[in-house]
Amino acid sequence: MVEINVSLTGALAQASEKTTKVEADTLLQALTALAERYGEDFGSRLLDDNGKPRRFINIYLDGRDYRFLGGLNAVLSHGTELNLIPAVSGG
């Protein structure tokens, strides 16, 4: 497994952490590791009941949309930057 950097923003940012590191080989492993670290509530904000990313969470790997990099099976490299950004709406 490789160590990657994770940036959490908006409602996903933890009170004491906006950045962290996890070890994973794929995006799914990274998201699972984050859910295990921060608990079920956090995990349910990331993934739906079918294990798919919620559509209002933007996921970027090194600045590129994960959907164009292999989806949840996207392979990570040491030092990959994972950004999790909740979509913001308003009027």
N, C-alpha and C. Protein backbone atom coordinates (compact mmCIF):
# COMPACT_ATOMS: atom_id res chain seq x y z
N MET A 1 0.83 -1.18 0.00
CA MET A 1 0.00 0.00 0.00
C MET A 1 0.88 1.25 0.00
N VAL A 2 0.34 2.30 -0.58
CA VAL A 2 1.07 3.56 -0.65
C VAL A 2 0.40 4.60 0.24
N GLU A 3 1.17 5.55 0.69
CA GLU A 3 0.63 6.62 1.52
C GLU A 3 0.20 7.78 0.62
N ILE A 4 -1.05 8.24 0.83
CA ILE A 4 -1.56 9.36 0.05
C ILE A 4 -1.98 10.48 1.00
N ASN A 5 -2.08 11.68 0.45
CA ASN A 5 -2.51 12.85 1.19
C ASN A 5 -3.98 13.11 0.90
N VAL A 6 -4.74 13.41 1.94
CA VAL A 6 -6.18 13.63 1.79
C VAL A 6 -6.52 15.02 2.30
N SER A 7 -7.28 15.75 1.51
CA SER A 7 -7.77 17.06 1.90
C SER A 7 -9.29 16.98 2.05
N LEU A 8 -9.76 17.34 3.24
CA LEU A 8 -11.20 17.31 3.55
C LEU A 8 -11.70 18.75 3.64
N THR A 9 -12.80 19.05 2.96
CA THR A 9 -13.32 20.41 2.99
C THR A 9 -14.80 20.40 3.34
N GLY A 10 -15.31 21.58 3.64
CA GLY A 10 -16.74 21.74 3.93
C GLY A 10 -17.20 20.85 5.05
N ALA A 11 -18.37 20.24 4.87
CA ALA A 11 -18.98 19.40 5.90
C ALA A 11 -18.17 18.14 6.18
N LEU A 12 -17.25 17.78 5.30
CA LEU A 12 -16.43 16.58 5.51
C LEU A 12 -15.22 16.86 6.40
N ALA A 13 -14.83 18.12 6.52
CA ALA A 13 -13.66 18.45 7.34
C ALA A 13 -13.96 18.11 8.79
N GLN A 14 -13.03 17.43 9.39
CA GLN A 14 -13.16 17.10 10.81
C GLN A 14 -12.72 18.30 11.63
N ALA A 15 -13.25 18.45 12.82
CA ALA A 15 -12.98 19.62 13.65
C ALA A 15 -11.49 19.90 13.79
N SER A 16 -10.70 18.87 13.98
CA SER A 16 -9.28 19.09 14.20
C SER A 16 -8.42 18.78 12.97
N GLU A 17 -9.01 18.22 11.91
CA GLU A 17 -8.23 17.83 10.75
C GLU A 17 -8.91 18.22 9.45
N LYS A 18 -8.17 18.96 8.63
CA LYS A 18 -8.63 19.23 7.28
C LYS A 18 -7.76 18.50 6.28
N THR A 19 -6.63 18.00 6.77
CA THR A 19 -5.76 17.17 5.95
C THR A 19 -5.33 15.96 6.78
N THR A 20 -5.12 14.87 6.09
CA THR A 20 -4.67 13.65 6.75
C THR A 20 -3.96 12.78 5.73
N LYS A 21 -3.48 11.66 6.15
CA LYS A 21 -2.84 10.69 5.26
C LYS A 21 -3.47 9.33 5.51
N VAL A 22 -3.60 8.54 4.46
CA VAL A 22 -4.05 7.15 4.59
C VAL A 22 -3.19 6.29 3.68
N GLU A 23 -3.20 5.00 3.97
CA GLU A 23 -2.50 4.04 3.11
C GLU A 23 -3.54 3.25 2.34
N ALA A 24 -3.37 3.20 1.03
CA ALA A 24 -4.32 2.50 0.16
C ALA A 24 -3.69 2.31 -1.21
N ASP A 25 -4.19 1.33 -1.95
CA ASP A 25 -3.75 1.11 -3.33
C ASP A 25 -4.77 1.62 -4.34
N THR A 26 -6.04 1.71 -3.92
CA THR A 26 -7.10 2.18 -4.82
C THR A 26 -7.92 3.25 -4.12
N LEU A 27 -8.69 3.98 -4.90
CA LEU A 27 -9.55 5.01 -4.32
C LEU A 27 -10.55 4.40 -3.34
N LEU A 28 -11.14 3.26 -3.69
CA LEU A 28 -12.10 2.62 -2.79
C LEU A 28 -11.45 2.29 -1.45
N GLN A 29 -10.24 1.78 -1.47
CA GLN A 29 -9.53 1.47 -0.23
C GLN A 29 -9.30 2.74 0.59
N ALA A 30 -8.98 3.83 -0.08
CA ALA A 30 -8.75 5.10 0.63
C ALA A 30 -10.04 5.59 1.28
N LEU A 31 -11.15 5.55 0.55
CA LEU A 31 -12.43 6.00 1.10
C LEU A 31 -12.85 5.11 2.27
N THR A 32 -12.63 3.81 2.14
CA THR A 32 -12.95 2.87 3.22
C THR A 32 -12.10 3.16 4.45
N ALA A 33 -10.82 3.43 4.25
CA ALA A 33 -9.93 3.74 5.37
C ALA A 33 -10.39 5.01 6.08
N LEU A 34 -10.83 6.01 5.33
CA LEU A 34 -11.32 7.24 5.94
C LEU A 34 -12.59 6.99 6.73
N ALA A 35 -13.49 6.18 6.17
CA ALA A 35 -14.74 5.86 6.87
C ALA A 35 -14.45 5.10 8.16
N GLU A 36 -13.49 4.20 8.14
CA GLU A 36 -13.13 3.47 9.36
C GLU A 36 -12.51 4.41 10.40
N ARG A 37 -11.71 5.35 9.94
CA ARG A 37 -11.04 6.27 10.85
C ARG A 37 -12.03 7.24 11.50
N TYR A 38 -12.94 7.80 10.71
CA TYR A 38 -13.80 8.87 11.21
C TYR A 38 -15.21 8.41 11.59
N GLY A 39 -15.54 7.17 11.36
CA GLY A 39 -16.80 6.63 11.83
C GLY A 39 -17.90 6.52 10.78
N GLU A 40 -18.97 5.85 11.20
CA GLU A 40 -20.07 5.53 10.30
C GLU A 40 -20.75 6.76 9.72
N ASP A 41 -20.92 7.80 10.53
CA ASP A 41 -21.57 9.02 10.04
C ASP A 41 -20.77 9.64 8.90
N PHE A 42 -19.46 9.71 9.08
CA PHE A 42 -18.59 10.25 8.04
C PHE A 42 -18.68 9.37 6.79
N GLY A 43 -18.59 8.06 6.98
CA GLY A 43 -18.66 7.12 5.86
C GLY A 43 -19.96 7.25 5.08
N SER A 44 -21.07 7.46 5.79
CA SER A 44 -22.35 7.59 5.11
C SER A 44 -22.47 8.90 4.34
N ARG A 45 -21.66 9.90 4.70
CA ARG A 45 -21.63 11.15 3.92
C ARG A 45 -20.85 10.96 2.63
N LEU A 46 -19.91 10.01 2.62
CA LEU A 46 -19.09 9.75 1.44
C LEU A 46 -19.75 8.77 0.47
N LEU A 47 -20.22 7.65 1.01
CA LEU A 47 -20.73 6.56 0.18
C LEU A 47 -22.18 6.25 0.49
N ASP A 48 -22.95 5.89 -0.54
CA ASP A 48 -24.34 5.51 -0.33
C ASP A 48 -24.43 4.05 0.14
N ASP A 49 -25.64 3.54 0.29
CA ASP A 49 -25.84 2.17 0.78
C ASP A 49 -25.29 1.10 -0.17
N ASN A 50 -25.08 1.47 -1.43
CA ASN A 50 -24.53 0.53 -2.42
C ASN A 50 -23.02 0.64 -2.55
N GLY A 51 -22.39 1.47 -1.70
CA GLY A 51 -20.95 1.63 -1.74
C GLY A 51 -20.45 2.55 -2.85
N LYS A 52 -21.35 3.33 -3.43
CA LYS A 52 -21.00 4.28 -4.49
C LYS A 52 -20.84 5.67 -3.87
N PRO A 53 -19.93 6.48 -4.40
CA PRO A 53 -19.79 7.84 -3.88
C PRO A 53 -21.10 8.62 -4.05
N ARG A 54 -21.43 9.37 -3.05
CA ARG A 54 -22.63 10.21 -3.13
C ARG A 54 -22.42 11.23 -4.24
N ARG A 55 -23.47 11.54 -4.96
CA ARG A 55 -23.33 12.38 -6.13
C ARG A 55 -23.01 13.83 -5.80
N PHE A 56 -23.17 14.24 -4.56
CA PHE A 56 -22.85 15.60 -4.19
C PHE A 56 -21.46 15.74 -3.58
N ILE A 57 -20.66 14.68 -3.68
CA ILE A 57 -19.27 14.73 -3.23
C ILE A 57 -18.39 14.71 -4.48
N ASN A 58 -17.61 15.76 -4.65
CA ASN A 58 -16.66 15.81 -5.77
C ASN A 58 -15.35 15.20 -5.30
N ILE A 59 -14.85 14.26 -6.09
CA ILE A 59 -13.63 13.53 -5.72
C ILE A 59 -12.58 13.76 -6.81
N TYR A 60 -11.43 14.25 -6.37
CA TYR A 60 -10.34 14.53 -7.30
C TYR A 60 -9.06 13.84 -6.85
N LEU A 61 -8.36 13.28 -7.79
CA LEU A 61 -7.05 12.66 -7.56
C LEU A 61 -6.04 13.49 -8.34
N ASP A 62 -5.13 14.12 -7.62
CA ASP A 62 -4.14 15.01 -8.24
C ASP A 62 -4.81 16.01 -9.17
N GLY A 63 -5.96 16.55 -8.74
CA GLY A 63 -6.66 17.58 -9.48
C GLY A 63 -7.53 17.08 -10.62
N ARG A 64 -7.64 15.77 -10.79
CA ARG A 64 -8.44 15.21 -11.89
C ARG A 64 -9.62 14.43 -11.32
N ASP A 65 -10.75 14.55 -11.99
CA ASP A 65 -11.97 13.86 -11.57
C ASP A 65 -11.75 12.35 -11.59
N TYR A 66 -12.06 11.70 -10.46
CA TYR A 66 -11.80 10.26 -10.32
C TYR A 66 -12.52 9.42 -11.37
N ARG A 67 -13.65 9.90 -11.88
CA ARG A 67 -14.43 9.12 -12.84
C ARG A 67 -13.67 8.89 -14.15
N PHE A 68 -12.71 9.76 -14.43
CA PHE A 68 -11.92 9.62 -15.66
C PHE A 68 -10.60 8.90 -15.41
N LEU A 69 -10.42 8.40 -14.19
CA LEU A 69 -9.17 7.74 -13.83
C LEU A 69 -9.37 6.29 -13.40
N GLY A 70 -10.55 5.75 -13.69
CA GLY A 70 -10.83 4.37 -13.32
C GLY A 70 -11.87 4.24 -12.23
N GLY A 71 -12.53 5.34 -11.88
CA GLY A 71 -13.58 5.29 -10.86
C GLY A 71 -13.02 4.86 -9.52
N LEU A 72 -13.78 4.07 -8.79
CA LEU A 72 -13.35 3.62 -7.47
C LEU A 72 -12.14 2.70 -7.54
N ASN A 73 -11.86 2.15 -8.72
CA ASN A 73 -10.71 1.27 -8.89
C ASN A 73 -9.45 2.03 -9.31
N ALA A 74 -9.52 3.35 -9.32
CA ALA A 74 -8.36 4.16 -9.70
C ALA A 74 -7.17 3.78 -8.82
N VAL A 75 -6.05 3.52 -9.46
CA VAL A 75 -4.83 3.10 -8.75
C VAL A 75 -4.12 4.35 -8.24
N LEU A 76 -3.71 4.29 -6.97
CA LEU A 76 -3.04 5.41 -6.33
C LEU A 76 -1.53 5.21 -6.32
N SER A 77 -0.80 6.31 -6.34
CA SER A 77 0.66 6.28 -6.23
C SER A 77 1.06 6.97 -4.94
N HIS A 78 2.27 6.69 -4.49
CA HIS A 78 2.75 7.35 -3.28
C HIS A 78 2.67 8.87 -3.46
N GLY A 79 2.04 9.54 -2.50
CA GLY A 79 1.94 10.99 -2.54
C GLY A 79 0.75 11.53 -3.32
N THR A 80 -0.11 10.65 -3.85
CA THR A 80 -1.31 11.12 -4.54
C THR A 80 -2.07 12.08 -3.63
N GLU A 81 -2.61 13.13 -4.22
CA GLU A 81 -3.45 14.09 -3.50
C GLU A 81 -4.91 13.75 -3.76
N LEU A 82 -5.62 13.36 -2.72
CA LEU A 82 -7.05 13.07 -2.80
C LEU A 82 -7.80 14.24 -2.18
N ASN A 83 -8.66 14.88 -2.97
CA ASN A 83 -9.47 15.98 -2.49
C ASN A 83 -10.93 15.57 -2.48
N LEU A 84 -11.58 15.71 -1.33
CA LEU A 84 -12.99 15.42 -1.18
C LEU A 84 -13.71 16.73 -0.91
N ILE A 85 -14.56 17.12 -1.86
CA ILE A 85 -15.19 18.44 -1.80
C ILE A 85 -16.70 18.29 -1.95
N PRO A 86 -17.45 18.58 -0.87
CA PRO A 86 -18.91 18.53 -0.99
C PRO A 86 -19.37 19.68 -1.89
N ALA A 87 -20.33 19.39 -2.76
CA ALA A 87 -20.91 20.43 -3.59
C ALA A 87 -21.70 21.39 -2.70
N VAL A 88 -21.66 22.64 -3.05
CA VAL A 88 -22.37 23.66 -2.27
C VAL A 88 -23.46 24.23 -3.15
N SER A 89 -24.63 24.38 -2.58
CA SER A 89 -25.72 24.98 -3.34
C SER A 89 -26.38 26.05 -2.47
N GLY A 90 -27.11 26.85 -3.10
CA GLY A 90 -27.79 27.91 -2.37
C GLY A 90 -28.53 28.81 -3.34
N GLY A 91 -29.12 29.79 -2.79
CA GLY A 91 -29.89 30.68 -3.66
C GLY A 91 -29.67 32.10 -3.34
